[in-house]
Protein backbone atom coordinates (compact mmCIF):
# COMPACT_ATOMS: atom_id res chain seq x y z
CA MET A 1 90.15 185.30 14.07
CA ILE A 2 93.05 184.31 16.27
CA LYS A 3 95.93 182.42 14.65
CA LYS A 4 99.21 180.95 15.83
CA GLY A 5 101.83 183.69 16.16
CA ASN A 6 99.33 186.55 16.71
CA GLN A 7 99.78 189.04 19.55
CA VAL A 8 96.79 188.93 21.94
CA GLN A 9 95.67 190.61 25.15
CA VAL A 10 93.82 188.84 27.97
CA LEU A 11 90.40 190.40 28.72
CA SER A 12 89.45 188.52 31.90
CA GLY A 13 90.83 186.23 34.58
CA LYS A 14 93.92 186.31 36.77
CA ASP A 15 96.14 187.51 33.89
CA LYS A 16 93.81 190.34 32.79
CA GLY A 17 95.59 193.02 30.77
CA LYS A 18 98.68 190.94 29.97
CA LYS A 19 99.88 190.54 26.39
CA GLY A 20 101.53 187.58 24.72
CA GLU A 21 101.98 185.50 21.58
CA VAL A 22 99.73 182.55 20.67
CA ILE A 23 101.80 179.35 20.58
CA GLU A 24 99.09 176.71 20.13
CA ILE A 25 95.36 176.55 19.32
CA LEU A 26 92.69 173.88 19.90
CA ARG A 27 89.96 174.75 17.37
CA THR A 28 87.58 172.00 18.54
CA GLU A 29 87.53 173.37 22.10
CA ASN A 30 87.94 177.09 21.21
CA ARG A 31 91.07 177.40 23.36
CA ALA A 32 94.50 178.91 22.83
CA LYS A 33 97.84 178.66 24.64
CA VAL A 34 99.58 182.05 25.05
CA LYS A 35 103.26 182.47 25.93
CA GLY A 36 103.63 183.60 29.57
CA ILE A 37 99.87 183.55 30.31
CA ASN A 38 97.89 181.19 32.59
CA ILE A 39 100.97 179.54 34.10
CA ILE A 40 100.30 176.33 36.04
CA LYS A 41 102.57 174.10 38.10
CA LYS A 42 102.66 170.44 37.08
CA HIS A 43 104.19 167.69 39.21
CA GLU A 44 106.20 165.39 36.95
CA LYS A 45 107.49 161.96 37.92
CA SER A 46 111.14 161.31 37.07
CA THR A 47 111.92 158.81 34.32
CA LYS A 48 115.09 157.58 32.64
CA GLU A 49 114.89 160.32 30.01
CA LYS A 50 113.91 163.33 32.11
CA LYS A 51 114.24 164.61 35.65
CA GLY A 52 111.07 164.96 37.72
CA GLY A 53 109.89 167.78 39.94
CA ILE A 54 107.53 170.73 39.79
CA ILE A 55 107.42 172.25 36.30
CA SER A 56 105.77 175.58 35.38
CA LYS A 57 104.10 175.72 31.98
CA GLU A 58 101.37 177.55 30.08
CA ASN A 59 97.83 176.21 30.05
CA PHE A 60 95.01 176.83 27.57
CA ILE A 61 92.68 179.84 27.88
CA HIS A 62 89.31 180.27 26.16
CA ILE A 63 89.42 182.32 22.94
CA SER A 64 86.53 184.54 24.13
CA ASN A 65 88.86 185.88 26.85
CA LEU A 66 91.43 187.06 24.27
CA LYS A 67 91.59 190.20 22.15
CA ASN A 68 93.53 190.02 18.87
CA LEU A 69 95.97 192.98 18.75
CA GLU A 70 96.92 192.30 15.11
CA ILE A 71 93.48 193.51 13.93
CA ASP A 72 93.82 196.74 15.93
CA LYS A 73 97.16 197.53 14.25
CA LYS A 74 95.62 197.12 10.79
CA ALA A 75 92.66 199.36 11.74
CA GLU A 76 94.99 202.11 13.02
CA LYS A 77 96.93 202.10 9.73
CA ARG A 78 93.69 202.65 7.78
CA GLY A 79 92.41 205.30 10.20
CA ASN A 80 89.54 203.21 11.59
CA LYS A 81 89.08 202.52 15.29
């Protein structure tokens, strides 16, 4: 089970093999947002509060494309693989 704060590795897609930390999860859609993974560019309109422009940010990735590295660490400590 993947939780917020876990270290995960991407199994498929353009960021295959990269590792990162889970920062947000959508349980209803089975998706997670990982720090530094699946970066998209969003065009923001300027408002009084914030400046507009092209902003890079993380987007959600499906949980089936992620491998939880926290479980592997626990298995190595016990001697299981």
